């Protein structure tokens, strides 16, 4: 940090907050894609069961 030159480290705090937001959004995207993929697998399996009956 540049405290000796009069800086307060606000840039580092903004960068850390931005990285945190990116990590949270990455988790949300991963969760949504997992729900979609499992839903597709469930519907495919359900169609196969209906064909077998």
C-alpha atoms as a PDB file:
ATOM      1  CA  UNK A   1       0.000   0.000   0.000  1.00  0.00           C
ATOM      2  CA  UNK A   2       1.042   3.547  -0.454  1.00  0.00           C
ATOM      3  CA  UNK A   3       0.252   4.759   3.067  1.00  0.00           C
ATOM      4  CA  UNK A   4       3.643   6.423   3.326  1.00  0.00           C
ATOM      5  CA  UNK A   5       2.819   8.596   0.335  1.00  0.00           C
ATOM      6  CA  UNK A   6      -0.604   9.600   1.619  1.00  0.00           C
ATOM      7  CA  UNK A   7      -2.767   6.828   0.133  1.00  0.00           C
ATOM      8  CA  UNK A   8      -5.500   5.147   2.121  1.00  0.00           C
ATOM      9  CA  UNK A   9      -5.664   1.805   0.290  1.00  0.00           C
ATOM     10  CA  UNK A  10      -9.118   2.416  -1.130  1.00  0.00           C
ATOM     11  CA  UNK A  11      -8.046   0.970  -4.470  1.00  0.00           C
ATOM     12  CA  UNK A  12      -7.209  -2.348  -2.833  1.00  0.00           C
ATOM     13  CA  UNK A  13     -10.582  -2.386  -1.077  1.00  0.00           C
ATOM     14  CA  UNK A  14     -12.413  -1.734  -4.336  1.00  0.00           C
ATOM     15  CA  UNK A  15     -10.419  -4.473  -6.080  1.00  0.00           C
ATOM     16  CA  UNK A  16     -11.190  -6.935  -3.274  1.00  0.00           C
ATOM     17  CA  UNK A  17     -14.899  -6.088  -3.421  1.00  0.00           C
ATOM     18  CA  UNK A  18     -14.910  -6.553  -7.191  1.00  0.00           C
ATOM     19  CA  UNK A  19     -13.213  -9.958  -6.862  1.00  0.00           C
ATOM     20  CA  UNK A  20     -15.776 -10.957  -4.242  1.00  0.00           C
ATOM     21  CA  UNK A  21     -18.649 -10.017  -6.530  1.00  0.00           C
ATOM     22  CA  UNK A  22     -17.093 -12.033  -9.358  1.00  0.00           C
ATOM     23  CA  UNK A  23     -16.748 -15.084  -7.092  1.00  0.00           C
ATOM     24  CA  UNK A  24     -20.377 -14.842  -5.947  1.00  0.00           C
ATOM     25  CA  UNK A  25     -21.643 -14.453  -9.517  1.00  0.00           C
ATOM     26  CA  UNK A  26     -19.539 -17.440 -10.568  1.00  0.00           C
ATOM     27  CA  UNK A  27     -21.214 -19.535  -7.882  1.00  0.00           C
ATOM     28  CA  UNK A  28     -24.683 -18.369  -8.932  1.00  0.00           C
ATOM     29  CA  UNK A  29     -23.986 -19.251 -12.576  1.00  0.00           C
ATOM     30  CA  UNK A  30     -22.680 -22.669 -11.516  1.00  0.00           C
ATOM     31  CA  UNK A  31     -25.804 -23.273  -9.411  1.00  0.00           C
ATOM     32  CA  UNK A  32     -28.215 -22.251 -12.183  1.00  0.00           C
ATOM     33  CA  UNK A  33     -26.436 -24.356 -14.795  1.00  0.00           C
ATOM     34  CA  UNK A  34     -26.515 -27.353 -12.438  1.00  0.00           C
ATOM     35  CA  UNK A  35     -30.255 -26.959 -11.923  1.00  0.00           C
ATOM     36  CA  UNK A  36     -30.860 -26.715 -15.678  1.00  0.00           C
ATOM     37  CA  UNK A  37     -28.706 -29.743 -16.474  1.00  0.00           C
ATOM     38  CA  UNK A  38     -30.310 -31.889 -13.782  1.00  0.00           C
ATOM     39  CA  UNK A  39     -33.758 -30.839 -15.009  1.00  0.00           C
ATOM     40  CA  UNK A  40     -32.884 -31.888 -18.533  1.00  0.00           C
ATOM     41  CA  UNK A  41     -31.566 -35.251 -17.319  1.00  0.00           C
ATOM     42  CA  UNK A  42     -34.736 -35.785 -15.305  1.00  0.00           C
ATOM     43  CA  UNK A  43     -36.996 -35.030 -18.266  1.00  0.00           C
ATOM     44  CA  UNK A  44     -34.993 -37.339 -20.552  1.00  0.00           C
ATOM     45  CA  UNK A  45     -35.190 -40.148 -17.983  1.00  0.00           C
ATOM     46  CA  UNK A  46     -38.925 -39.549 -17.550  1.00  0.00           C
ATOM     47  CA  UNK A  47     -39.494 -39.821 -21.314  1.00  0.00           C
ATOM     48  CA  UNK A  48     -37.563 -43.094 -21.427  1.00  0.00           C
ATOM     49  CA  UNK A  49     -39.698 -44.516 -18.606  1.00  0.00           C
ATOM     50  CA  UNK A  50     -42.907 -43.533 -20.427  1.00  0.00           C
ATOM     51  CA  UNK A  51     -41.658 -45.230 -23.604  1.00  0.00           C
ATOM     52  CA  UNK A  52     -40.855 -48.420 -21.694  1.00  0.00           C
ATOM     53  CA  UNK A  53     -44.348 -48.619 -20.211  1.00  0.00           C
END
